[in-house]
Amino acid sequence: MTLRTYNPSVRLANWNEDVYLDEDILKDFLEKKDKGELFLQKISNLRRNVLKETDLSISTDGFVHFGDVVLLINPDKDRTPLSTVSPLCGVTLSATPDEVTLHTKVSIETPCAVTASTNVKPIARNVFVITSVDGSPLGEPLRFGQNFALRTTEGFMGQLYLASDQKTFLKCANKSRLQEVSLMDQPSFLTWWQITYLDPQLRFEYEGFPVPANKKLLIIHSKTNQCLAVPRRYVQWTLFGKEFEVAAQTYLDSHKAEEPFNHWILVTKNPSDEVHTMFDRPNPPYEKTDENNKMATEIKC
């Protein structure tokens, strides 16, 4: 029977080296812990700051108001009836800060990228506040053709404004080379947007009317007159997974109408306590019947 007469406490030869290695590992661990660089700390900060659930505003009259917290959803590109649109088949406009900012900063700093995420749950990174730029009071309905701004929430999201500008050779979207959309820390004419009615034949008649919530519409940049768009063929890999590039570009079909890449829905909260958004509510029976009748008539035609 052999006995181990040497152990780390002897501090000779390789045993002494093992002791120093253990001390270095502990020192590195404590240093990373003080700086918040441990993996568990990063995940905790991510969940606490960016992925935390956020309450949307409730629309009591069916319209969008200044000060409302909404979810911006670009529905699926397939042309489906509005009553069948569900956030599960769309993407949401989301702030996408870099990894260094997420783990070392107390709030998001500019420039900050914007992407379209498949996560349709209302969380801190994908909810925006309808902000007035012309002095309209809080609670006043937003109207078609009226300038407004889209701002991130307070706290870690930093109250940044969605902005865009004319594309140049050096400043454009990374993959599509289209007009870039990003977040800015100061409001300006670059952060002004307008809501336009979806149907071009009725667009002029709806000018000045309140904007309805949970309906398809267009979001147009006031300076460049380009629609906010999600071209689904440009994919970006981010810290949050596979997402899509967001740009300001108007896509028109053969009838001079905007394509589904430009369609957006301002989603509000469901008054019920059981679900998060209005689209989680089932359709009334009469709406399903009307929808089936329309589909049957289209098939016959």
C-alpha atoms as a PDB file:
ATOM      1  CA  MET A   1       0.000   0.000   0.000  1.00  0.00           C
ATOM      2  CA  THR A   2       1.422   3.369  -1.077  1.00  0.00           C
ATOM      3  CA  LEU A   3       0.846   6.543   0.839  1.00  0.00           C
ATOM      4  CA  ARG A   4       0.772  10.038  -0.639  1.00  0.00           C
ATOM      5  CA  THR A   5       3.358  11.831   1.442  1.00  0.00           C
ATOM      6  CA  TYR A   6       3.155  15.060  -0.571  1.00  0.00           C
ATOM      7  CA  ASN A   7       0.171  17.358  -0.907  1.00  0.00           C
ATOM      8  CA  PRO A   8      -0.406  21.030  -1.870  1.00  0.00           C
ATOM      9  CA  SER A   9       0.399  22.216   1.641  1.00  0.00           C
ATOM     10  CA  VAL A  10       4.002  21.059   1.222  1.00  0.00           C
ATOM     11  CA  ARG A  11       4.471  23.669  -1.584  1.00  0.00           C
ATOM     12  CA  LEU A  12       7.225  21.797  -3.389  1.00  0.00           C
ATOM     13  CA  ALA A  13       7.699  21.316  -7.143  1.00  0.00           C
ATOM     14  CA  ASN A  14       4.405  20.747  -9.031  1.00  0.00           C
ATOM     15  CA  TRP A  15       2.392  20.903  -5.827  1.00  0.00           C
ATOM     16  CA  ASN A  16       3.443  24.505  -5.341  1.00  0.00           C
ATOM     17  CA  GLU A  17       2.495  25.303  -8.957  1.00  0.00           C
ATOM     18  CA  ASP A  18      -0.989  23.920  -8.395  1.00  0.00           C
ATOM     19  CA  VAL A  19      -1.456  26.200  -5.416  1.00  0.00           C
ATOM     20  CA  TYR A  20      -0.494  29.272  -7.440  1.00  0.00           C
ATOM     21  CA  LEU A  21      -2.819  28.235 -10.249  1.00  0.00           C
ATOM     22  CA  ASP A  22      -5.714  27.873  -7.826  1.00  0.00           C
ATOM     23  CA  GLU A  23      -4.976  31.303  -6.378  1.00  0.00           C
ATOM     24  CA  ASP A  24      -4.882  32.866  -9.853  1.00  0.00           C
ATOM     25  CA  ILE A  25      -8.196  31.261 -10.774  1.00  0.00           C
ATOM     26  CA  LEU A  26      -9.799  32.586  -7.594  1.00  0.00           C
ATOM     27  CA  LYS A  27      -8.324  36.025  -8.208  1.00  0.00           C
ATOM     28  CA  ASP A  28      -9.686  36.127 -11.770  1.00  0.00           C
ATOM     29  CA  PHE A  29     -13.082  34.978 -10.534  1.00  0.00           C
ATOM     30  CA  LEU A  30     -13.289  37.706  -7.892  1.00  0.00           C
ATOM     31  CA  GLU A  31     -12.129  40.337 -10.377  1.00  0.00           C
ATOM     32  CA  LYS A  32     -14.797  39.348 -12.920  1.00  0.00           C
ATOM     33  CA  LYS A  33     -17.389  39.270 -10.168  1.00  0.00           C
ATOM     34  CA  ASP A  34     -16.555  42.837  -9.096  1.00  0.00           C
ATOM     35  CA  LYS A  35     -16.810  44.027 -12.723  1.00  0.00           C
ATOM     36  CA  GLY A  36     -20.063  42.132 -13.347  1.00  0.00           C
ATOM     37  CA  GLU A  37     -18.481  40.031 -16.105  1.00  0.00           C
ATOM     38  CA  LEU A  38     -19.577  36.621 -14.866  1.00  0.00           C
ATOM     39  CA  PHE A  39     -21.917  34.767 -17.210  1.00  0.00           C
ATOM     40  CA  LEU A  40     -24.641  34.501 -14.586  1.00  0.00           C
ATOM     41  CA  GLN A  41     -24.366  38.222 -13.880  1.00  0.00           C
ATOM     42  CA  LYS A  42     -24.645  39.031 -17.594  1.00  0.00           C
ATOM     43  CA  ILE A  43     -27.747  36.880 -17.954  1.00  0.00           C
ATOM     44  CA  SER A  44     -29.264  38.474 -14.861  1.00  0.00           C
ATOM     45  CA  ASN A  45     -28.615  42.001 -16.171  1.00  0.00           C
ATOM     46  CA  LEU A  46     -30.045  41.040 -19.547  1.00  0.00           C
ATOM     47  CA  ARG A  47     -33.261  39.742 -18.035  1.00  0.00           C
ATOM     48  CA  ARG A  48     -33.588  42.632 -15.619  1.00  0.00           C
ATOM     49  CA  ASN A  49     -32.941  45.457 -18.099  1.00  0.00           C
ATOM     50  CA  VAL A  50     -33.849  44.356 -21.626  1.00  0.00           C
ATOM     51  CA  LEU A  51     -36.023  41.251 -21.439  1.00  0.00           C
ATOM     52  CA  LYS A  52     -38.282  42.293 -18.565  1.00  0.00           C
ATOM     53  CA  GLU A  53     -42.002  42.302 -19.321  1.00  0.00           C
ATOM     54  CA  THR A  54     -43.522  45.731 -19.891  1.00  0.00           C
ATOM     55  CA  ASP A  55     -47.172  46.708 -19.674  1.00  0.00           C
ATOM     56  CA  LEU A  56     -48.785  48.225 -22.747  1.00  0.00           C
ATOM     57  CA  SER A  57     -51.377  50.986 -22.622  1.00  0.00           C
ATOM     58  CA  ILE A  58     -55.076  50.188 -22.758  1.00  0.00           C
ATOM     59  CA  SER A  59     -57.099  51.995 -25.417  1.00  0.00           C
ATOM     60  CA  THR A  60     -60.579  52.650 -24.050  1.00  0.00           C
ATOM     61  CA  ASP A  61     -61.879  54.326 -27.213  1.00  0.00           C
ATOM     62  CA  GLY A  62     -60.043  52.237 -29.811  1.00  0.00           C
ATOM     63  CA  PHE A  63     -57.587  55.015 -30.791  1.00  0.00           C
ATOM     64  CA  VAL A  64     -53.881  55.660 -30.229  1.00  0.00           C
ATOM     65  CA  HIS A  65     -53.015  58.561 -27.896  1.00  0.00           C
ATOM     66  CA  PHE A  66     -49.926  60.551 -27.057  1.00  0.00           C
ATOM     67  CA  GLY A  67     -48.164  58.912 -24.137  1.00  0.00           C
ATOM     68  CA  ASP A  68     -49.401  55.414 -24.997  1.00  0.00           C
ATOM     69  CA  VAL A  69     -46.953  52.531 -24.723  1.00  0.00           C
ATOM     70  CA  VAL A  70     -47.471  50.342 -27.780  1.00  0.00           C
ATOM     71  CA  LEU A  71     -45.981  47.374 -29.572  1.00  0.00           C
ATOM     72  CA  LEU A  72     -45.119  47.907 -33.251  1.00  0.00           C
ATOM     73  CA  ILE A  73     -45.759  44.724 -35.220  1.00  0.00           C
ATOM     74  CA  ASN A  74     -45.004  44.146 -38.871  1.00  0.00           C
ATOM     75  CA  PRO A  75     -47.423  41.289 -39.718  1.00  0.00           C
ATOM     76  CA  ASP A  76     -46.570  38.353 -41.890  1.00  0.00           C
ATOM     77  CA  LYS A  77     -45.988  39.223 -45.545  1.00  0.00           C
ATOM     78  CA  ASP A  78     -48.786  36.899 -46.677  1.00  0.00           C
ATOM     79  CA  ARG A  79     -51.913  38.840 -47.563  1.00  0.00           C
ATOM     80  CA  THR A  80     -54.320  37.637 -44.904  1.00  0.00           C
ATOM     81  CA  PRO A  81     -57.546  39.343 -43.773  1.00  0.00           C
ATOM     82  CA  LEU A  82     -57.056  41.799 -40.945  1.00  0.00           C
ATOM     83  CA  SER A  83     -59.278  39.817 -38.607  1.00  0.00           C
ATOM     84  CA  THR A  84     -56.955  36.824 -38.889  1.00  0.00           C
ATOM     85  CA  VAL A  85     -53.709  38.720 -38.260  1.00  0.00           C
ATOM     86  CA  SER A  86     -51.878  37.478 -35.200  1.00  0.00           C
ATOM     87  CA  PRO A  87     -48.601  38.706 -33.687  1.00  0.00           C
ATOM     88  CA  LEU A  88     -47.409  35.097 -33.759  1.00  0.00           C
ATOM     89  CA  CYS A  89     -46.831  35.439 -37.516  1.00  0.00           C
ATOM     90  CA  GLY A  90     -45.172  38.864 -37.393  1.00  0.00           C
ATOM     91  CA  VAL A  91     -42.096  40.647 -36.092  1.00  0.00           C
ATOM     92  CA  THR A  92     -41.724  43.552 -33.690  1.00  0.00           C
ATOM     93  CA  LEU A  93     -39.627  46.697 -33.955  1.00  0.00           C
ATOM     94  CA  SER A  94     -36.911  46.292 -31.317  1.00  0.00           C
ATOM     95  CA  ALA A  95     -33.876  48.140 -30.003  1.00  0.00           C
ATOM     96  CA  THR A  96     -30.674  46.123 -30.398  1.00  0.00           C
ATOM     97  CA  PRO A  97     -27.796  47.480 -28.278  1.00  0.00           C
ATOM     98  CA  ASP A  98     -24.328  45.990 -28.570  1.00  0.00           C
ATOM     99  CA  GLU A  99     -23.014  43.488 -26.053  1.00  0.00           C
ATOM    100  CA  VAL A 100     -20.618  45.928 -24.371  1.00  0.00           C
ATOM    101  CA  THR A 101     -23.445  48.360 -23.638  1.00  0.00           C
ATOM    102  CA  LEU A 102     -25.661  45.613 -22.261  1.00  0.00           C
ATOM    103  CA  HIS A 103     -23.111  44.433 -19.731  1.00  0.00           C
ATOM    104  CA  THR A 104     -21.204  47.569 -18.757  1.00  0.00           C
ATOM    105  CA  LYS A 105     -23.516  50.597 -19.117  1.00  0.00           C
ATOM    106  CA  VAL A 106     -26.319  51.821 -16.879  1.00  0.00           C
ATOM    107  CA  SER A 107     -28.430  52.747 -19.930  1.00  0.00           C
ATOM    108  CA  ILE A 108     -28.373  52.328 -23.688  1.00  0.00           C
ATOM    109  CA  GLU A 109     -26.185  54.819 -25.516  1.00  0.00           C
ATOM    110  CA  THR A 110     -26.307  56.057 -29.091  1.00  0.00           C
ATOM    111  CA  PRO A 111     -25.836  55.040 -31.774  1.00  0.00           C
ATOM    112  CA  CYS A 112     -28.131  52.082 -31.171  1.00  0.00           C
ATOM    113  CA  ALA A 113     -29.288  49.735 -33.904  1.00  0.00           C
ATOM    114  CA  VAL A 114     -32.881  48.710 -34.574  1.00  0.00           C
ATOM    115  CA  THR A 115     -33.992  45.278 -35.785  1.00  0.00           C
ATOM    116  CA  ALA A 116     -37.213  43.299 -36.198  1.00  0.00           C
ATOM    117  CA  SER A 117     -37.497  40.524 -33.636  1.00  0.00           C
ATOM    118  CA  THR A 118     -39.698  37.450 -33.747  1.00  0.00           C
ATOM    119  CA  ASN A 119     -40.358  37.877 -30.018  1.00  0.00           C
ATOM    120  CA  VAL A 120     -43.834  39.417 -29.967  1.00  0.00           C
ATOM    121  CA  LYS A 121     -44.207  39.590 -26.197  1.00  0.00           C
ATOM    122  CA  PRO A 122     -44.104  43.167 -24.825  1.00  0.00           C
ATOM    123  CA  ILE A 123     -40.683  43.549 -23.243  1.00  0.00           C
ATOM    124  CA  ALA A 124     -38.457  46.556 -22.609  1.00  0.00           C
ATOM    125  CA  ARG A 125     -36.600  46.421 -25.923  1.00  0.00           C
ATOM    126  CA  ASN A 126     -39.635  46.279 -28.236  1.00  0.00           C
ATOM    127  CA  VAL A 127     -42.150  48.732 -26.731  1.00  0.00           C
ATOM    128  CA  PHE A 128     -42.275  52.393 -27.729  1.00  0.00           C
ATOM    129  CA  VAL A 129     -43.981  55.505 -26.364  1.00  0.00           C
ATOM    130  CA  ILE A 130     -46.031  57.724 -28.695  1.00  0.00           C
ATOM    131  CA  THR A 131     -44.431  61.141 -28.120  1.00  0.00           C
ATOM    132  CA  SER A 132     -45.689  64.554 -29.211  1.00  0.00           C
ATOM    133  CA  VAL A 133     -43.458  66.914 -31.206  1.00  0.00           C
ATOM    134  CA  ASP A 134     -45.957  69.774 -31.643  1.00  0.00           C
ATOM    135  CA  GLY A 135     -47.016  70.323 -28.040  1.00  0.00           C
ATOM    136  CA  SER A 136     -50.076  68.076 -28.074  1.00  0.00           C
ATOM    137  CA  PRO A 137     -51.044  67.116 -24.506  1.00  0.00           C
ATOM    138  CA  LEU A 138     -50.842  63.591 -23.139  1.00  0.00           C
ATOM    139  CA  GLY A 139     -53.998  61.630 -23.797  1.00  0.00           C
ATOM    140  CA  GLU A 140     -54.801  63.515 -27.003  1.00  0.00           C
ATOM    141  CA  PRO A 141     -55.519  61.125 -29.919  1.00  0.00           C
ATOM    142  CA  LEU A 142     -52.848  60.818 -32.580  1.00  0.00           C
ATOM    143  CA  ARG A 143     -54.214  61.744 -36.012  1.00  0.00           C
ATOM    144  CA  PHE A 144     -53.417  60.688 -39.544  1.00  0.00           C
ATOM    145  CA  GLY A 145     -50.805  62.997 -41.057  1.00  0.00           C
ATOM    146  CA  GLN A 146     -49.722  64.418 -37.677  1.00  0.00           C
ATOM    147  CA  ASN A 147     -46.026  64.442 -36.803  1.00  0.00           C
ATOM    148  CA  PHE A 148     -44.990  62.420 -33.769  1.00  0.00           C
ATOM    149  CA  ALA A 149     -41.979  60.571 -32.374  1.00  0.00           C
ATOM    150  CA  LEU A 150     -41.405  57.007 -31.215  1.00  0.00           C
ATOM    151  CA  ARG A 151     -39.412  56.858 -27.983  1.00  0.00           C
ATOM    152  CA  THR A 152     -38.091  53.977 -25.920  1.00  0.00           C
ATOM    153  CA  THR A 153     -39.090  53.664 -22.280  1.00  0.00           C
ATOM    154  CA  GLU A 154     -37.302  55.109 -19.270  1.00  0.00           C
ATOM    155  CA  GLY A 155     -34.566  53.453 -17.262  1.00  0.00           C
ATOM    156  CA  PHE A 156     -32.063  51.234 -19.017  1.00  0.00           C
ATOM    157  CA  MET A 157     -33.645  51.852 -22.442  1.00  0.00           C
ATOM    158  CA  GLY A 158     -32.539  55.476 -22.152  1.00  0.00           C
ATOM    159  CA  GLN A 159     -35.544  57.269 -23.751  1.00  0.00           C
ATOM    160  CA  LEU A 160     -34.041  57.125 -27.251  1.00  0.00           C
ATOM    161  CA  TYR A 161     -35.896  58.302 -30.354  1.00  0.00           C
ATOM    162  CA  LEU A 162     -36.431  56.355 -33.567  1.00  0.00           C
ATOM    163  CA  ALA A 163     -34.691  58.293 -36.343  1.00  0.00           C
ATOM    164  CA  SER A 164     -33.693  58.090 -39.979  1.00  0.00           C
ATOM    165  CA  ASP A 165     -32.009  60.228 -42.627  1.00  0.00           C
ATOM    166  CA  GLN A 166     -31.142  60.238 -46.296  1.00  0.00           C
ATOM    167  CA  LYS A 167     -28.822  57.375 -47.182  1.00  0.00           C
ATOM    168  CA  THR A 168     -25.275  58.149 -48.246  1.00  0.00           C
ATOM    169  CA  PHE A 169     -22.334  56.090 -49.387  1.00  0.00           C
ATOM    170  CA  LEU A 170     -21.023  55.899 -45.818  1.00  0.00           C
ATOM    171  CA  LYS A 171     -24.312  55.892 -43.901  1.00  0.00           C
ATOM    172  CA  CYS A 172     -26.866  53.286 -44.885  1.00  0.00           C
ATOM    173  CA  ALA A 173     -28.251  49.936 -43.757  1.00  0.00           C
ATOM    174  CA  ASN A 174     -25.575  47.285 -43.390  1.00  0.00           C
ATOM    175  CA  LYS A 175     -26.966  44.583 -45.679  1.00  0.00           C
ATOM    176  CA  SER A 176     -29.679  46.099 -47.851  1.00  0.00           C
ATOM    177  CA  ARG A 177     -27.819  49.423 -48.338  1.00  0.00           C
ATOM    178  CA  LEU A 178     -31.167  51.169 -47.928  1.00  0.00           C
ATOM    179  CA  GLN A 179     -31.999  54.157 -45.747  1.00  0.00           C
ATOM    180  CA  GLU A 180     -30.803  53.411 -42.231  1.00  0.00           C
ATOM    181  CA  VAL A 181     -33.081  53.445 -39.165  1.00  0.00           C
ATOM    182  CA  SER A 182     -31.559  53.800 -35.706  1.00  0.00           C
ATOM    183  CA  LEU A 183     -32.095  55.343 -32.275  1.00  0.00           C
ATOM    184  CA  MET A 184     -30.972  58.858 -31.279  1.00  0.00           C
ATOM    185  CA  ASP A 185     -30.744  60.465 -27.845  1.00  0.00           C
ATOM    186  CA  GLN A 186     -32.041  63.906 -28.897  1.00  0.00           C
ATOM    187  CA  PRO A 187     -35.323  64.705 -30.684  1.00  0.00           C
ATOM    188  CA  SER A 188     -35.029  66.486 -34.017  1.00  0.00           C
ATOM    189  CA  PHE A 189     -36.643  66.619 -37.437  1.00  0.00           C
ATOM    190  CA  LEU A 190     -34.938  63.278 -38.127  1.00  0.00           C
ATOM    191  CA  THR A 191     -37.097  61.673 -35.414  1.00  0.00           C
ATOM    192  CA  TRP A 192     -40.455  62.845 -36.843  1.00  0.00           C
ATOM    193  CA  TRP A 193     -42.858  60.273 -38.260  1.00  0.00           C
ATOM    194  CA  GLN A 194     -46.429  60.244 -39.574  1.00  0.00           C
ATOM    195  CA  ILE A 195     -49.219  57.689 -39.689  1.00  0.00           C
ATOM    196  CA  THR A 196     -50.936  57.160 -43.056  1.00  0.00           C
ATOM    197  CA  TYR A 197     -54.076  55.206 -43.851  1.00  0.00           C
ATOM    198  CA  LEU A 198     -53.413  51.856 -45.506  1.00  0.00           C
ATOM    199  CA  ASP A 199     -55.780  52.112 -48.472  1.00  0.00           C
ATOM    200  CA  PRO A 200     -54.407  54.713 -50.933  1.00  0.00           C
ATOM    201  CA  GLN A 201     -57.873  55.369 -52.361  1.00  0.00           C
ATOM    202  CA  LEU A 202     -59.210  56.442 -48.953  1.00  0.00           C
ATOM    203  CA  ARG A 203     -56.020  58.090 -47.685  1.00  0.00           C
ATOM    204  CA  PHE A 204     -57.086  61.662 -48.370  1.00  0.00           C
ATOM    205  CA  GLU A 205     -60.500  61.199 -46.722  1.00  0.00           C
ATOM    206  CA  TYR A 206     -58.941  59.909 -43.484  1.00  0.00           C
ATOM    207  CA  GLU A 207     -56.464  62.790 -43.172  1.00  0.00           C
ATOM    208  CA  GLY A 208     -56.861  64.385 -39.731  1.00  0.00           C
ATOM    209  CA  PHE A 209     -58.932  61.546 -38.239  1.00  0.00           C
ATOM    210  CA  PRO A 210     -57.762  59.748 -35.074  1.00  0.00           C
ATOM    211  CA  VAL A 211     -55.474  56.768 -35.651  1.00  0.00           C
ATOM    212  CA  PRO A 212     -57.129  53.463 -34.662  1.00  0.00           C
ATOM    213  CA  ALA A 213     -55.218  50.990 -32.549  1.00  0.00           C
ATOM    214  CA  ASN A 214     -54.647  47.366 -33.574  1.00  0.00           C
ATOM    215  CA  LYS A 215     -55.215  48.092 -37.274  1.00  0.00           C
ATOM    216  CA  LYS A 216     -52.887  47.911 -40.257  1.00  0.00           C
ATOM    217  CA  LEU A 217     -51.382  51.264 -41.234  1.00  0.00           C
ATOM    218  CA  LEU A 218     -48.244  52.904 -42.629  1.00  0.00           C
ATOM    219  CA  ILE A 219     -45.493  54.721 -40.701  1.00  0.00           C
ATOM    220  CA  ILE A 220     -43.770  57.326 -42.897  1.00  0.00           C
ATOM    221  CA  HIS A 221     -40.628  59.317 -42.128  1.00  0.00           C
ATOM    222  CA  SER A 222     -41.513  63.006 -42.283  1.00  0.00           C
ATOM    223  CA  LYS A 223     -38.230  64.223 -43.796  1.00  0.00           C
ATOM    224  CA  THR A 224     -37.547  61.576 -46.427  1.00  0.00           C
ATOM    225  CA  ASN A 225     -41.152  60.446 -47.074  1.00  0.00           C
ATOM    226  CA  GLN A 226     -40.045  56.801 -46.909  1.00  0.00           C
ATOM    227  CA  CYS A 227     -42.103  54.123 -45.151  1.00  0.00           C
ATOM    228  CA  LEU A 228     -40.739  52.157 -42.243  1.00  0.00           C
ATOM    229  CA  ALA A 229     -40.121  48.667 -43.614  1.00  0.00           C
ATOM    230  CA  VAL A 230     -38.873  45.193 -42.727  1.00  0.00           C
ATOM    231  CA  PRO A 231     -37.455  43.525 -45.858  1.00  0.00           C
ATOM    232  CA  ARG A 232     -37.548  39.923 -44.669  1.00  0.00           C
ATOM    233  CA  ARG A 233     -34.725  38.725 -46.925  1.00  0.00           C
ATOM    234  CA  TYR A 234     -32.045  40.591 -44.944  1.00  0.00           C
ATOM    235  CA  VAL A 235     -31.235  38.621 -41.798  1.00  0.00           C
ATOM    236  CA  GLN A 236     -29.039  39.787 -38.935  1.00  0.00           C
ATOM    237  CA  TRP A 237     -27.597  37.633 -36.170  1.00  0.00           C
ATOM    238  CA  THR A 238     -27.682  39.540 -32.885  1.00  0.00           C
ATOM    239  CA  LEU A 239     -27.179  38.768 -29.225  1.00  0.00           C
ATOM    240  CA  PHE A 240     -30.904  37.930 -29.130  1.00  0.00           C
ATOM    241  CA  GLY A 241     -30.764  35.477 -32.037  1.00  0.00           C
ATOM    242  CA  LYS A 242     -31.866  35.626 -35.658  1.00  0.00           C
ATOM    243  CA  GLU A 243     -33.598  38.909 -36.483  1.00  0.00           C
ATOM    244  CA  PHE A 244     -34.387  41.033 -39.541  1.00  0.00           C
ATOM    245  CA  GLU A 245     -32.985  44.330 -40.722  1.00  0.00           C
ATOM    246  CA  VAL A 246     -35.182  47.438 -40.470  1.00  0.00           C
ATOM    247  CA  ALA A 247     -34.958  50.203 -43.069  1.00  0.00           C
ATOM    248  CA  ALA A 248     -36.878  53.183 -44.399  1.00  0.00           C
ATOM    249  CA  GLN A 249     -37.983  52.221 -47.888  1.00  0.00           C
ATOM    250  CA  THR A 250     -41.350  52.345 -49.650  1.00  0.00           C
ATOM    251  CA  TYR A 251     -42.241  49.133 -51.485  1.00  0.00           C
ATOM    252  CA  LEU A 252     -45.014  49.509 -54.076  1.00  0.00           C
ATOM    253  CA  ASP A 253     -46.841  46.762 -55.945  1.00  0.00           C
ATOM    254  CA  SER A 254     -48.258  46.901 -59.465  1.00  0.00           C
ATOM    255  CA  HIS A 255     -51.287  48.844 -58.188  1.00  0.00           C
ATOM    256  CA  LYS A 256     -49.119  51.556 -56.584  1.00  0.00           C
ATOM    257  CA  ALA A 257     -50.089  50.341 -53.125  1.00  0.00           C
ATOM    258  CA  GLU A 258     -47.614  49.677 -50.338  1.00  0.00           C
ATOM    259  CA  GLU A 259     -46.545  46.067 -49.944  1.00  0.00           C
ATOM    260  CA  PRO A 260     -46.774  44.125 -46.648  1.00  0.00           C
ATOM    261  CA  PHE A 261     -43.130  45.032 -45.893  1.00  0.00           C
ATOM    262  CA  ASN A 262     -44.470  48.513 -44.991  1.00  0.00           C
ATOM    263  CA  HIS A 263     -47.533  47.429 -42.999  1.00  0.00           C
ATOM    264  CA  TRP A 264     -47.502  48.053 -39.254  1.00  0.00           C
ATOM    265  CA  ILE A 265     -49.897  47.552 -36.371  1.00  0.00           C
ATOM    266  CA  LEU A 266     -49.828  49.606 -33.156  1.00  0.00           C
ATOM    267  CA  VAL A 267     -50.785  46.985 -30.598  1.00  0.00           C
ATOM    268  CA  THR A 268     -52.263  47.924 -27.227  1.00  0.00           C
ATOM    269  CA  LYS A 269     -52.950  45.904 -24.114  1.00  0.00           C
ATOM    270  CA  ASN A 270     -56.018  43.773 -23.647  1.00  0.00           C
ATOM    271  CA  PRO A 271     -58.175  45.028 -20.739  1.00  0.00           C
ATOM    272  CA  SER A 272     -58.520  41.411 -19.637  1.00  0.00           C
ATOM    273  CA  ASP A 273     -56.008  40.105 -17.108  1.00  0.00           C
ATOM    274  CA  GLU A 274     -55.575  36.809 -18.914  1.00  0.00           C
ATOM    275  CA  VAL A 275     -53.629  37.960 -21.999  1.00  0.00           C
ATOM    276  CA  HIS A 276     -51.124  40.633 -22.952  1.00  0.00           C
ATOM    277  CA  THR A 277     -52.361  42.188 -26.207  1.00  0.00           C
ATOM    278  CA  MET A 278     -55.601  42.724 -28.083  1.00  0.00           C
ATOM    279  CA  PHE A 279     -54.686  40.169 -30.736  1.00  0.00           C
ATOM    280  CA  ASP A 280     -54.646  37.382 -28.158  1.00  0.00           C
ATOM    281  CA  ARG A 281     -58.418  37.703 -27.824  1.00  0.00           C
ATOM    282  CA  PRO A 282     -60.479  35.316 -29.942  1.00  0.00           C
ATOM    283  CA  ASN A 283     -62.553  36.750 -32.758  1.00  0.00           C
ATOM    284  CA  PRO A 284     -66.320  37.096 -32.155  1.00  0.00           C
ATOM    285  CA  PRO A 285     -68.425  34.401 -33.848  1.00  0.00           C
ATOM    286  CA  TYR A 286     -70.005  36.823 -36.328  1.00  0.00           C
ATOM    287  CA  GLU A 287     -66.548  37.971 -37.510  1.00  0.00           C
ATOM    288  CA  LYS A 288     -65.521  34.387 -38.184  1.00  0.00           C
ATOM    289  CA  THR A 289     -68.739  33.837 -40.159  1.00  0.00           C
ATOM    290  CA  ASP A 290     -68.191  36.981 -42.237  1.00  0.00           C
ATOM    291  CA  GLU A 291     -64.596  35.964 -42.868  1.00  0.00           C
ATOM    292  CA  ASN A 292     -65.599  32.486 -44.062  1.00  0.00           C
ATOM    293  CA  ASN A 293     -68.229  33.967 -46.361  1.00  0.00           C
ATOM    294  CA  LYS A 294     -65.672  36.342 -47.901  1.00  0.00           C
ATOM    295  CA  MET A 295     -63.205  33.527 -48.464  1.00  0.00           C
ATOM    296  CA  ALA A 296     -65.900  31.364 -50.065  1.00  0.00           C
ATOM    297  CA  THR A 297     -66.920  34.235 -52.358  1.00  0.00           C
ATOM    298  CA  GLU A 298     -63.285  34.782 -53.416  1.00  0.00           C
ATOM    299  CA  ILE A 299     -62.886  31.082 -54.184  1.00  0.00           C
ATOM    300  CA  LYS A 300     -66.028  31.054 -56.354  1.00  0.00           C
ATOM    301  CA  CYS A 301     -64.875  34.111 -58.242  1.00  0.00           C
END
